[in-house]
Every structure is written in C-alpha cells, then in structure tokens.
N, C-alpha and C. Protein backbone atom coordinates (compact mmCIF):
# COMPACT_ATOMS: atom_id res chain seq x y z
N MET A 1 -22.06 18.68 107.29
CA MET A 1 -20.79 18.31 106.65
C MET A 1 -19.64 19.00 106.97
N ALA A 2 -19.89 20.44 107.05
CA ALA A 2 -18.68 21.28 107.49
C ALA A 2 -18.51 21.10 109.08
N ALA A 3 -19.41 20.71 109.76
CA ALA A 3 -19.01 20.60 111.28
C ALA A 3 -18.18 19.35 111.44
N SER A 4 -18.44 18.20 110.62
CA SER A 4 -17.69 16.92 110.62
C SER A 4 -16.33 17.11 110.23
N THR A 5 -16.08 18.04 109.05
CA THR A 5 -14.81 18.22 108.58
C THR A 5 -13.94 18.98 109.71
N ASN A 6 -14.53 20.03 110.31
CA ASN A 6 -13.72 20.70 111.43
C ASN A 6 -13.44 19.91 112.51
N SER A 7 -14.36 18.86 112.91
CA SER A 7 -13.94 18.14 114.05
C SER A 7 -12.94 16.98 113.55
N GLY A 8 -12.81 16.71 112.54
CA GLY A 8 -12.04 15.60 112.02
C GLY A 8 -10.45 16.17 112.00
N ASN A 9 -10.21 17.35 111.57
CA ASN A 9 -8.93 17.81 111.32
C ASN A 9 -8.39 18.23 112.57
N GLY A 10 -8.84 18.08 113.87
CA GLY A 10 -8.31 18.51 114.95
C GLY A 10 -7.93 19.97 115.22
N SER A 11 -8.44 20.86 114.50
CA SER A 11 -8.14 22.27 114.67
C SER A 11 -8.62 22.78 116.10
N VAL A 12 -7.79 23.80 116.62
CA VAL A 12 -8.15 24.20 118.02
C VAL A 12 -8.69 25.53 118.06
N PRO A 13 -9.74 25.81 118.69
CA PRO A 13 -10.27 27.11 118.65
C PRO A 13 -9.33 28.12 119.18
N GLY A 14 -9.21 29.27 118.35
CA GLY A 14 -8.37 30.35 118.82
C GLY A 14 -7.33 30.60 117.81
N GLY A 15 -7.26 29.65 116.65
CA GLY A 15 -6.28 29.90 115.72
C GLY A 15 -5.63 28.60 115.27
N SER A 16 -5.19 28.74 114.11
CA SER A 16 -4.58 27.28 113.49
C SER A 16 -3.20 27.08 113.99
N ASN A 17 -2.57 28.12 114.55
CA ASN A 17 -1.31 27.96 115.00
C ASN A 17 -1.12 27.45 116.38
N ALA A 18 -2.17 27.27 117.13
CA ALA A 18 -2.16 26.77 118.46
C ALA A 18 -1.98 25.21 118.68
N THR A 19 -1.27 24.97 119.50
CA THR A 19 -0.86 23.46 119.65
C THR A 19 -1.65 22.62 120.56
N ALA A 20 -2.45 21.64 120.29
CA ALA A 20 -3.39 21.01 121.13
C ALA A 20 -2.66 19.86 121.99
N ALA A 21 -2.85 19.91 123.32
CA ALA A 21 -2.19 18.96 124.19
C ALA A 21 -3.15 17.83 124.35
N GLY A 22 -4.50 18.12 124.41
CA GLY A 22 -5.42 17.03 124.73
C GLY A 22 -6.87 17.57 124.83
N SER A 23 -7.82 16.91 124.78
CA SER A 23 -9.19 17.51 124.92
C SER A 23 -9.56 17.40 126.43
N GLY A 24 -10.23 18.53 126.82
CA GLY A 24 -10.80 18.74 128.19
C GLY A 24 -11.90 17.98 128.38
N PRO A 25 -12.65 18.03 129.64
CA PRO A 25 -13.98 17.24 129.73
C PRO A 25 -14.84 18.09 129.23
N ASP A 26 -14.84 19.08 128.83
CA ASP A 26 -16.18 19.74 127.89
C ASP A 26 -15.91 19.68 126.34
N GLY A 27 -15.10 18.81 126.08
CA GLY A 27 -14.69 18.68 124.55
C GLY A 27 -13.62 19.76 123.99
N GLY A 28 -13.19 20.82 124.87
CA GLY A 28 -12.27 21.56 124.28
C GLY A 28 -10.83 21.20 124.20
N TYR A 29 -9.90 21.89 123.93
CA TYR A 29 -8.55 21.57 123.74
C TYR A 29 -7.62 22.58 124.60
N TYR A 30 -6.78 21.93 125.18
CA TYR A 30 -5.68 22.72 126.12
C TYR A 30 -4.30 22.77 125.41
N GLN A 31 -3.82 23.96 125.61
CA GLN A 31 -2.38 24.09 125.19
C GLN A 31 -1.41 23.79 126.33
N TYR A 32 -0.17 23.32 125.78
CA TYR A 32 0.87 22.97 126.70
C TYR A 32 1.26 24.22 127.55
N SER A 33 1.31 25.33 126.74
CA SER A 33 1.91 26.53 127.48
C SER A 33 0.93 27.05 128.56
N ILE A 34 -0.46 26.83 128.32
CA ILE A 34 -1.48 27.28 129.21
C ILE A 34 -1.39 26.44 130.56
N ILE A 35 -1.20 25.24 130.26
CA ILE A 35 -1.02 24.28 131.32
C ILE A 35 0.20 24.55 132.25
N LEU A 36 1.21 24.83 131.60
CA LEU A 36 2.57 25.12 132.26
C LEU A 36 2.47 26.35 133.05
N ASP A 37 1.70 27.40 132.59
CA ASP A 37 1.29 28.60 133.19
C ASP A 37 0.83 28.38 134.63
N HIS A 38 -0.32 27.49 134.51
CA HIS A 38 -1.02 27.10 135.78
C HIS A 38 -0.13 26.37 136.80
N LEU A 39 0.84 25.60 136.25
CA LEU A 39 1.44 24.79 137.09
C LEU A 39 2.54 25.25 137.76
N ILE A 40 3.57 25.94 136.84
CA ILE A 40 4.76 26.43 137.31
C ILE A 40 4.99 27.98 136.92
N GLY A 41 4.00 28.67 136.11
CA GLY A 41 4.05 29.90 135.82
C GLY A 41 3.51 31.04 136.73
N ASP A 42 3.14 32.06 136.24
CA ASP A 42 2.57 33.36 137.01
C ASP A 42 1.11 32.90 137.40
N LYS A 43 0.47 32.17 136.75
CA LYS A 43 -1.07 31.82 137.07
C LYS A 43 -1.20 30.77 137.99
N ARG A 44 -0.06 30.20 138.65
CA ARG A 44 -0.46 29.13 139.48
C ARG A 44 -1.10 29.68 140.75
N GLN A 45 -1.69 28.86 141.55
CA GLN A 45 -2.57 29.30 142.55
C GLN A 45 -1.75 29.57 143.80
N ILE A 46 -0.83 28.42 144.31
CA ILE A 46 0.06 28.37 145.45
C ILE A 46 1.23 28.86 145.17
N LYS A 47 1.63 30.00 145.72
CA LYS A 47 2.92 30.55 145.46
C LYS A 47 3.92 29.86 146.43
N ASP A 48 3.63 29.80 147.85
CA ASP A 48 4.54 29.25 148.66
C ASP A 48 3.76 28.36 149.80
N LEU A 49 4.58 27.33 150.20
CA LEU A 49 3.98 26.48 151.07
C LEU A 49 3.98 27.06 152.36
N ASN A 50 2.75 27.07 153.13
CA ASN A 50 2.66 27.70 154.53
C ASN A 50 3.03 26.79 155.52
N PRO A 51 4.13 26.81 156.32
CA PRO A 51 4.30 25.68 157.25
C PRO A 51 3.36 25.55 158.25
N SER A 52 2.35 26.61 158.61
CA SER A 52 1.58 26.23 159.67
C SER A 52 0.28 25.55 159.09
N ILE A 53 0.24 25.60 157.84
CA ILE A 53 -0.84 24.72 157.13
C ILE A 53 -0.22 23.30 156.75
N MET A 54 0.87 23.43 156.25
CA MET A 54 1.43 21.95 155.64
C MET A 54 2.05 21.31 156.77
N GLY A 55 2.58 21.97 157.82
CA GLY A 55 3.01 21.19 158.93
C GLY A 55 4.54 21.02 158.65
N GLY A 56 5.39 20.98 159.83
CA GLY A 56 6.89 20.90 159.63
C GLY A 56 7.26 19.42 159.33
N LEU A 57 8.59 19.49 159.24
CA LEU A 57 9.15 18.03 158.97
C LEU A 57 9.21 17.34 160.32
N PRO A 58 8.83 16.02 160.32
CA PRO A 58 9.04 15.40 161.56
C PRO A 58 10.41 15.26 162.15
N ASN A 59 10.65 15.46 163.27
CA ASN A 59 11.81 15.35 164.00
C ASN A 59 11.89 13.82 164.53
N PRO A 60 13.11 13.28 164.40
CA PRO A 60 13.49 11.92 164.86
C PRO A 60 13.31 12.10 166.36
N HIS A 61 13.10 10.88 167.08
CA HIS A 61 13.05 10.91 168.52
C HIS A 61 14.42 10.87 169.12
N LYS A 62 14.82 11.58 169.88
CA LYS A 62 16.22 11.76 170.66
C LYS A 62 16.26 10.83 171.78
N THR A 63 17.43 9.99 171.68
CA THR A 63 17.74 9.05 172.75
C THR A 63 18.15 9.77 173.96
N ASP A 64 18.34 9.09 175.18
CA ASP A 64 18.76 9.58 176.38
C ASP A 64 20.18 9.85 176.18
N GLU A 65 21.00 9.27 175.60
CA GLU A 65 22.44 9.76 175.34
C GLU A 65 22.46 10.97 174.63
N GLN A 66 21.66 11.02 173.72
CA GLN A 66 21.58 12.51 172.77
C GLN A 66 21.34 13.82 173.67
N LYS A 67 20.15 13.40 174.43
CA LYS A 67 19.80 14.34 175.31
C LYS A 67 20.61 14.86 176.52
N MET A 68 21.46 13.74 176.98
CA MET A 68 22.55 13.99 178.00
C MET A 68 23.57 14.84 177.31
N ILE A 69 24.05 14.42 176.17
CA ILE A 69 25.07 15.20 175.47
C ILE A 69 24.81 16.62 175.21
N GLU A 70 23.43 16.88 174.92
CA GLU A 70 22.96 18.25 174.67
C GLU A 70 22.94 19.07 175.95
N ARG A 71 22.70 18.45 177.04
CA ARG A 71 22.49 19.14 178.15
C ARG A 71 24.05 19.61 178.59
N GLY A 72 24.95 18.53 178.44
CA GLY A 72 26.33 18.68 178.82
C GLY A 72 26.81 19.90 178.06
N MET A 73 26.37 20.01 176.80
CA MET A 73 27.18 20.95 175.79
C MET A 73 26.45 22.28 176.15
N GLU A 74 25.40 22.38 176.79
CA GLU A 74 24.68 23.64 177.00
C GLU A 74 25.00 24.17 178.51
N SER A 75 25.81 23.46 179.34
CA SER A 75 25.99 23.78 180.73
C SER A 75 27.12 24.81 180.73
N CYS A 76 27.18 25.54 182.03
CA CYS A 76 27.99 26.50 182.02
C CYS A 76 29.47 26.06 182.10
N ALA A 77 29.67 24.86 182.82
CA ALA A 77 30.93 24.20 182.94
C ALA A 77 31.51 23.75 181.54
N PHE A 78 30.78 23.45 180.60
CA PHE A 78 31.22 23.05 179.09
C PHE A 78 31.70 24.30 178.41
N LYS A 79 30.88 25.47 178.73
CA LYS A 79 31.16 26.61 178.11
C LYS A 79 32.53 27.36 178.54
N ALA A 80 32.65 27.09 179.84
CA ALA A 80 33.77 27.65 180.51
C ALA A 80 35.19 26.88 180.02
N VAL A 81 35.04 25.59 180.05
CA VAL A 81 36.18 24.80 179.51
C VAL A 81 36.62 25.10 178.11
N LEU A 82 35.51 25.19 177.28
CA LEU A 82 35.72 25.62 175.82
C LEU A 82 36.31 27.01 175.70
N ALA A 83 35.87 27.92 176.36
CA ALA A 83 36.35 29.24 176.40
C ALA A 83 37.89 29.24 176.87
N CYS A 84 38.07 28.56 177.82
CA CYS A 84 39.29 28.42 178.53
C CYS A 84 40.38 27.81 177.49
N VAL A 85 39.97 26.65 176.73
CA VAL A 85 40.94 26.13 175.73
C VAL A 85 40.89 27.19 174.60
N GLY A 86 40.01 27.67 174.05
CA GLY A 86 40.21 28.67 173.01
C GLY A 86 40.89 29.78 173.21
N GLY A 87 40.89 30.35 174.61
CA GLY A 87 41.69 31.52 175.08
C GLY A 87 43.26 31.09 175.26
N PHE A 88 43.37 29.89 175.56
CA PHE A 88 44.69 29.52 175.75
C PHE A 88 45.38 29.30 174.32
N VAL A 89 44.83 28.92 173.42
CA VAL A 89 45.38 28.72 171.85
C VAL A 89 45.60 30.20 171.38
N LEU A 90 44.29 30.77 171.56
CA LEU A 90 44.47 32.35 170.92
C LEU A 90 45.66 33.17 171.69
N GLY A 91 45.77 32.94 173.11
CA GLY A 91 46.63 33.62 173.74
C GLY A 91 48.06 33.35 173.29
N GLY A 92 48.28 31.99 173.23
CA GLY A 92 49.77 31.51 173.09
C GLY A 92 50.06 31.92 171.65
N ALA A 93 49.06 31.99 170.56
CA ALA A 93 49.53 32.51 169.32
C ALA A 93 49.78 33.97 169.48
N PHE A 94 49.20 34.69 170.19
CA PHE A 94 49.27 36.17 170.12
C PHE A 94 50.64 36.39 170.80
N GLY A 95 50.78 35.84 171.77
CA GLY A 95 52.25 35.97 172.58
C GLY A 95 53.54 35.70 171.80
N VAL A 96 53.37 34.59 170.97
CA VAL A 96 54.18 34.25 170.11
C VAL A 96 54.56 35.32 168.97
N PHE A 97 53.43 35.65 168.44
CA PHE A 97 53.49 36.93 167.41
C PHE A 97 54.08 38.07 167.93
N THR A 98 53.65 38.55 169.17
CA THR A 98 54.25 39.76 169.74
C THR A 98 55.84 39.55 169.95
N ALA A 99 56.08 38.40 170.41
CA ALA A 99 57.43 38.17 170.60
C ALA A 99 58.30 38.15 169.53
N GLY A 100 57.78 37.73 168.43
CA GLY A 100 58.35 37.67 167.01
C GLY A 100 58.78 38.96 166.58
N ILE A 101 57.95 40.00 166.84
CA ILE A 101 58.16 41.37 166.41
C ILE A 101 58.80 42.30 167.33
N ASP A 102 59.17 41.86 168.54
CA ASP A 102 59.77 42.43 169.65
C ASP A 102 61.33 42.44 169.45
N THR A 103 61.92 43.53 169.44
CA THR A 103 63.43 43.50 169.14
C THR A 103 64.35 43.12 170.43
N ASN A 104 63.49 43.38 171.57
CA ASN A 104 64.24 42.83 172.71
C ASN A 104 64.10 41.58 173.19
N VAL A 105 63.56 40.74 172.47
CA VAL A 105 63.58 39.21 172.77
C VAL A 105 65.11 38.72 172.71
N GLY A 106 65.40 37.95 173.89
CA GLY A 106 66.62 37.39 174.03
C GLY A 106 67.78 38.65 174.28
N PHE A 107 67.48 39.73 174.75
CA PHE A 107 68.24 40.76 175.08
C PHE A 107 68.82 40.62 176.39
N ASP A 108 70.03 40.50 176.56
CA ASP A 108 70.76 40.45 177.94
C ASP A 108 71.20 41.79 178.37
N PRO A 109 70.83 42.40 179.64
CA PRO A 109 71.00 43.75 179.87
C PRO A 109 72.45 43.82 180.50
N LYS A 110 73.03 42.59 180.95
CA LYS A 110 74.43 42.52 181.24
C LYS A 110 75.44 42.85 179.95
N ASP A 111 75.11 42.32 179.02
CA ASP A 111 75.77 42.28 177.80
C ASP A 111 75.10 42.83 176.52
N PRO A 112 74.54 44.23 176.42
CA PRO A 112 73.86 44.69 175.52
C PRO A 112 74.35 44.47 174.14
N MET A 113 75.54 44.32 173.83
CA MET A 113 76.06 44.15 172.50
C MET A 113 76.21 42.75 171.95
N ARG A 114 75.82 41.75 172.82
CA ARG A 114 75.90 40.43 172.50
C ARG A 114 74.74 40.03 171.69
N THR A 115 74.88 39.27 170.46
CA THR A 115 73.65 38.76 169.69
C THR A 115 73.18 37.57 170.39
N PRO A 116 71.81 37.65 170.78
CA PRO A 116 71.22 36.42 171.36
C PRO A 116 71.21 35.31 170.37
N THR A 117 71.31 34.14 170.82
CA THR A 117 71.26 32.80 169.82
C THR A 117 69.84 32.54 169.82
N ALA A 118 69.68 31.57 168.67
CA ALA A 118 68.38 30.99 168.32
C ALA A 118 67.63 30.39 169.38
N ARG A 119 68.60 29.80 170.33
CA ARG A 119 67.62 28.99 171.47
C ARG A 119 67.28 30.02 172.55
N GLU A 120 67.94 31.01 172.74
CA GLU A 120 67.44 32.06 173.81
C GLU A 120 66.30 32.86 173.13
N VAL A 121 66.23 33.02 171.90
CA VAL A 121 65.06 33.87 171.26
C VAL A 121 63.77 32.81 171.44
N LEU A 122 64.00 31.56 170.93
CA LEU A 122 63.01 30.70 170.97
C LEU A 122 62.50 30.42 172.41
N ARG A 123 63.40 30.42 173.53
CA ARG A 123 62.97 30.25 174.98
C ARG A 123 62.10 31.45 175.35
N ASP A 124 62.64 32.61 174.75
CA ASP A 124 61.73 33.95 175.33
C ASP A 124 60.33 33.90 174.65
N MET A 125 60.21 33.37 173.46
CA MET A 125 59.12 33.47 172.67
C MET A 125 58.23 32.58 173.34
N GLY A 126 58.66 31.33 173.74
CA GLY A 126 57.91 30.21 174.49
C GLY A 126 57.48 30.80 175.72
N GLN A 127 58.13 31.64 176.52
CA GLN A 127 57.77 32.03 177.91
C GLN A 127 56.76 33.09 177.69
N ARG A 128 56.92 33.94 176.67
CA ARG A 128 55.86 34.96 176.63
C ARG A 128 54.57 34.35 176.01
N GLY A 129 54.75 33.43 175.13
CA GLY A 129 53.42 32.66 174.53
C GLY A 129 52.68 31.97 175.71
N MET A 130 53.43 31.41 176.65
CA MET A 130 52.74 30.69 177.71
C MET A 130 52.14 31.64 178.62
N SER A 131 52.87 32.74 178.90
CA SER A 131 52.20 33.75 179.70
C SER A 131 50.94 34.31 179.29
N TYR A 132 51.00 34.74 177.82
CA TYR A 132 49.75 35.16 177.25
C TYR A 132 48.67 34.09 177.20
N ALA A 133 48.99 32.94 176.89
CA ALA A 133 47.93 31.96 176.95
C ALA A 133 47.20 31.59 178.07
N LYS A 134 48.14 31.71 179.35
CA LYS A 134 47.38 31.52 180.66
C LYS A 134 46.69 32.63 180.91
N ASN A 135 46.96 33.89 180.56
CA ASN A 135 46.02 35.03 180.87
C ASN A 135 44.72 34.87 180.14
N PHE A 136 44.89 34.65 178.83
CA PHE A 136 43.75 34.71 177.99
C PHE A 136 42.84 33.61 178.33
N ALA A 137 43.32 32.42 178.82
CA ALA A 137 42.50 31.13 179.23
C ALA A 137 41.82 31.68 180.42
N ILE A 138 42.36 32.29 181.42
CA ILE A 138 41.56 32.70 182.60
C ILE A 138 40.52 33.61 182.24
N VAL A 139 40.79 34.69 181.51
CA VAL A 139 39.78 35.80 181.14
C VAL A 139 38.55 35.00 180.40
N GLY A 140 39.09 34.26 179.41
CA GLY A 140 37.82 33.65 178.65
C GLY A 140 37.15 32.64 179.63
N ALA A 141 37.61 31.74 180.30
CA ALA A 141 36.82 31.22 181.19
C ALA A 141 35.95 31.90 182.28
N MET A 142 36.53 32.90 182.79
CA MET A 142 35.76 33.85 183.68
C MET A 142 34.59 34.57 182.96
N PHE A 143 34.74 34.99 181.77
CA PHE A 143 33.91 35.57 180.87
C PHE A 143 32.65 34.60 180.39
N SER A 144 33.09 33.61 179.99
CA SER A 144 32.18 32.50 179.56
C SER A 144 31.26 32.13 180.65
N CYS A 145 31.81 31.88 181.83
CA CYS A 145 31.16 31.21 182.93
C CYS A 145 30.27 32.17 183.63
N THR A 146 30.95 33.35 183.84
CA THR A 146 29.71 34.51 184.26
C THR A 146 28.71 34.92 183.43
N GLU A 147 28.96 34.88 182.17
CA GLU A 147 27.94 35.05 181.18
C GLU A 147 26.69 34.18 181.23
N CYS A 148 27.30 32.95 181.27
CA CYS A 148 26.30 31.72 181.41
C CYS A 148 25.48 31.72 182.50
N LEU A 149 26.02 32.07 183.85
CA LEU A 149 25.38 32.10 185.09
C LEU A 149 24.39 33.31 184.91
N ILE A 150 24.94 34.55 184.56
CA ILE A 150 23.76 35.70 184.41
C ILE A 150 22.72 35.33 183.36
N GLU A 151 23.12 34.71 182.26
CA GLU A 151 21.93 34.40 181.40
C GLU A 151 20.84 33.34 182.00
N SER A 152 21.33 32.36 182.77
CA SER A 152 20.46 31.62 183.45
C SER A 152 19.70 32.07 184.53
N HIS A 153 20.31 33.18 185.17
CA HIS A 153 19.51 33.67 186.25
C HIS A 153 18.58 34.84 185.78
N ARG A 154 18.78 35.54 184.70
CA ARG A 154 17.97 36.26 184.18
C ARG A 154 16.93 35.83 183.10
N GLY A 155 17.33 34.60 182.53
CA GLY A 155 16.26 33.95 181.62
C GLY A 155 16.15 34.49 180.46
N LYS A 156 17.13 35.47 179.90
CA LYS A 156 17.15 36.09 178.75
C LYS A 156 18.71 35.95 177.99
N SER A 157 18.46 36.12 176.80
CA SER A 157 19.71 35.98 175.84
C SER A 157 19.92 37.21 175.14
N ASP A 158 20.46 38.20 175.58
CA ASP A 158 20.66 39.54 175.01
C ASP A 158 21.97 40.08 175.21
N TRP A 159 22.17 41.33 174.96
CA TRP A 159 23.47 41.88 174.91
C TRP A 159 23.79 42.39 176.45
N LYS A 160 22.92 42.55 177.11
CA LYS A 160 23.28 42.66 178.61
C LYS A 160 23.95 41.82 179.38
N ASN A 161 23.63 40.52 179.08
CA ASN A 161 24.40 39.46 179.68
C ASN A 161 26.01 39.61 179.40
N ALA A 162 26.40 40.02 178.15
CA ALA A 162 27.75 40.17 177.97
C ALA A 162 28.36 41.36 178.67
N VAL A 163 27.50 42.49 178.89
CA VAL A 163 27.96 43.79 179.52
C VAL A 163 28.19 43.42 180.94
N TYR A 164 27.24 42.69 181.55
CA TYR A 164 27.34 42.47 183.04
C TYR A 164 28.53 41.46 183.13
N SER A 165 28.66 40.70 182.28
CA SER A 165 30.00 39.57 182.61
C SER A 165 31.18 40.28 182.32
N GLY A 166 31.17 41.04 181.46
CA GLY A 166 32.45 42.03 181.19
C GLY A 166 32.73 42.82 182.30
N CYS A 167 31.69 43.46 182.98
CA CYS A 167 31.93 44.19 184.23
C CYS A 167 32.33 43.40 185.37
N VAL A 168 31.87 42.26 185.50
CA VAL A 168 32.43 41.27 186.62
C VAL A 168 33.82 40.72 186.41
N THR A 169 33.93 40.50 185.18
CA THR A 169 35.30 39.78 184.86
C THR A 169 36.49 40.90 184.90
N GLY A 170 36.20 42.09 184.45
CA GLY A 170 37.26 43.19 184.50
C GLY A 170 37.40 43.59 185.86
N GLY A 171 36.25 43.67 186.67
CA GLY A 171 36.35 44.04 188.06
C GLY A 171 37.07 43.17 188.83
N ALA A 172 36.93 41.71 188.70
CA ALA A 172 37.70 40.90 189.41
C ALA A 172 39.14 40.83 189.03
N ILE A 173 39.34 41.09 187.75
CA ILE A 173 40.76 41.17 187.52
C ILE A 173 41.50 42.38 187.94
N GLY A 174 40.77 43.46 187.95
CA GLY A 174 41.45 44.83 188.29
C GLY A 174 41.44 44.87 189.68
N PHE A 175 40.59 44.27 190.46
CA PHE A 175 40.77 44.51 192.18
C PHE A 175 41.80 43.98 192.62
N ARG A 176 42.59 43.11 191.95
CA ARG A 176 43.77 42.67 192.50
C ARG A 176 44.84 43.96 192.74
N ALA A 177 44.73 44.93 191.93
CA ALA A 177 45.54 46.05 191.97
C ALA A 177 44.95 47.11 192.77
N GLY A 178 43.85 47.02 193.18
CA GLY A 178 43.12 47.97 194.05
C GLY A 178 41.68 48.34 193.58
N ALA A 179 40.91 49.03 194.40
CA ALA A 179 39.53 49.40 194.10
C ALA A 179 39.48 50.20 192.85
N LYS A 180 40.21 51.19 192.78
CA LYS A 180 40.24 52.14 191.62
C LYS A 180 40.47 51.24 190.29
N ALA A 181 41.39 50.43 190.24
CA ALA A 181 41.76 49.59 189.10
C ALA A 181 40.52 48.67 188.74
N GLY A 182 39.79 48.04 189.90
CA GLY A 182 38.77 47.32 189.64
C GLY A 182 37.58 48.09 189.05
N ILE A 183 37.34 49.21 189.42
CA ILE A 183 36.37 49.96 188.80
C ILE A 183 36.54 50.32 187.45
N LEU A 184 37.75 50.65 187.18
CA LEU A 184 38.07 51.10 185.62
C LEU A 184 38.29 49.66 184.91
N GLY A 185 38.50 48.65 185.33
CA GLY A 185 38.47 47.40 184.67
C GLY A 185 37.15 46.87 184.40
N CYS A 186 36.21 47.09 185.46
CA CYS A 186 34.87 46.77 185.40
C CYS A 186 34.22 47.66 184.09
N GLY A 187 34.40 48.94 184.01
CA GLY A 187 33.88 49.86 183.11
C GLY A 187 34.52 49.66 181.79
N GLY A 188 35.84 49.43 181.75
CA GLY A 188 36.37 49.35 180.40
C GLY A 188 35.92 47.92 179.87
N PHE A 189 36.02 46.70 180.67
CA PHE A 189 35.47 45.46 179.97
C PHE A 189 34.19 45.54 179.70
N ALA A 190 33.21 46.20 180.22
CA ALA A 190 31.89 46.32 180.12
C ALA A 190 31.68 46.99 178.79
N ALA A 191 32.43 48.01 178.59
CA ALA A 191 32.27 49.01 177.33
C ALA A 191 32.81 48.18 176.14
N PHE A 192 33.80 47.35 176.29
CA PHE A 192 34.51 46.52 175.25
C PHE A 192 33.39 45.41 174.84
N SER A 193 32.90 44.92 175.89
CA SER A 193 31.95 43.70 175.53
C SER A 193 30.59 44.30 174.81
N ALA A 194 30.20 45.51 175.28
CA ALA A 194 28.99 46.05 174.60
C ALA A 194 29.22 46.32 173.11
N ALA A 195 30.76 46.85 172.86
CA ALA A 195 30.84 47.15 171.48
C ALA A 195 30.92 45.98 170.60
N ILE A 196 31.52 44.82 171.22
CA ILE A 196 31.59 43.57 170.48
C ILE A 196 30.20 43.05 170.19
N GLU A 197 29.46 43.13 171.26
CA GLU A 197 28.06 42.65 170.90
C GLU A 197 27.22 43.40 169.96
N TYR A 198 27.43 44.84 170.19
CA TYR A 198 26.65 45.59 169.11
C TYR A 198 27.21 45.30 167.61
N TYR A 199 28.58 45.00 167.54
CA TYR A 199 29.01 44.70 166.16
C TYR A 199 28.53 43.38 165.87
N LEU A 200 28.49 42.50 166.57
CA LEU A 200 27.95 41.04 166.18
C LEU A 200 26.56 40.92 165.94
N ARG A 201 25.71 41.65 166.73
CA ARG A 201 24.44 41.62 166.70
C ARG A 201 23.80 42.55 165.46
C-alpha cells in the first residue's frame, strides 16, 4: 500500500524538492537541470566540432569567368597596375601636403618681396603633387612587379621577396646617378622593405 502511494504522488528519488522532467526508460525520473548540463553544460561530451571528422562546408562550383577573373587578379601585371594607381594617388596627396606647408611655394626669386597670388600657389602645388605622384607610381609599379616575379620564381611567399624586390627597385632607381648611388639605393630600399615586412608580419 505504501509503495502504491509513493508511485502515485510522483515523488522523485533524491529529495522532494527535485523537479521531474519525465520518466526514463528504467522507470526513473530526469531533472531539467541534469539534461541541460549534458546538452549545453559542462558535462556535454562533444566540446568542439572537428573539421576533419565533420567535413568542411561545400564550396560552390566556380565558373570559367570566375576562374579567369581570379587568374587576372593574381597576375603580376594586375598587381603592378594596382600598385601604380595606388602610388599615384598617395604620391599626389603627399606632394600637395608638402607644398601646403612649404613657405617657398609661389616664391619669385626675381621679386622676393612680392606676395604670390592664389593661382600661383595652386599651380605650384599642382606641379609638385604631379611630380610626387609620378615618382610614387613608378616606384610602386616596379616594386610590386619585381616582388611578384621573384615570388613566382622562388615559389615561396615570405619576407625575402620584399627584400630582394626592394634591392632591385632601389638599385634600378639609384643607378641613374651612378654605381655608388645604385648600391646605396639597393641597400637602403632593401633595409626599408625588411623593416616594413618585419612590422607587418
């Protein structure tokens, strides 16, 4: 009689304050907190999904046009053109900035006491900006193209590519003023490229 009374009132083994979530296959009762611990708590069995076991996400099939665009964007010519455009914009902005803080912009050596007009100042700023833009564009295109060619030849992507490319670019620019200037340009540009690569990596 006592056994039927206990089974009828729905009491849970382990204490009267426990909350029953449902009966298990062995006739016992489960608590919501215990189930949650095994599902999302500290007692769950699988902590993280292993990609080698679960498999990666399926990649959609690439069309011929997409493959052609990817090959074009990875080519040395595209990288050189992109660096040329970026160098032109950066050089132009830098030239205009330096002309803006230069007190000799619009200065006339024939009449040093004359105040330059706004048109003369803007003309000098434009000329300096265009000069800087051309130089930066040439350097950027040479550096990017040589780095891409060296990387393709070596088959590696590491900091040495930038150092070799910097030496080639600096040497080519410096050799216009002589062998000594070419050697100094090669060493200086290579050291600068190495410092930039060390900072970025």
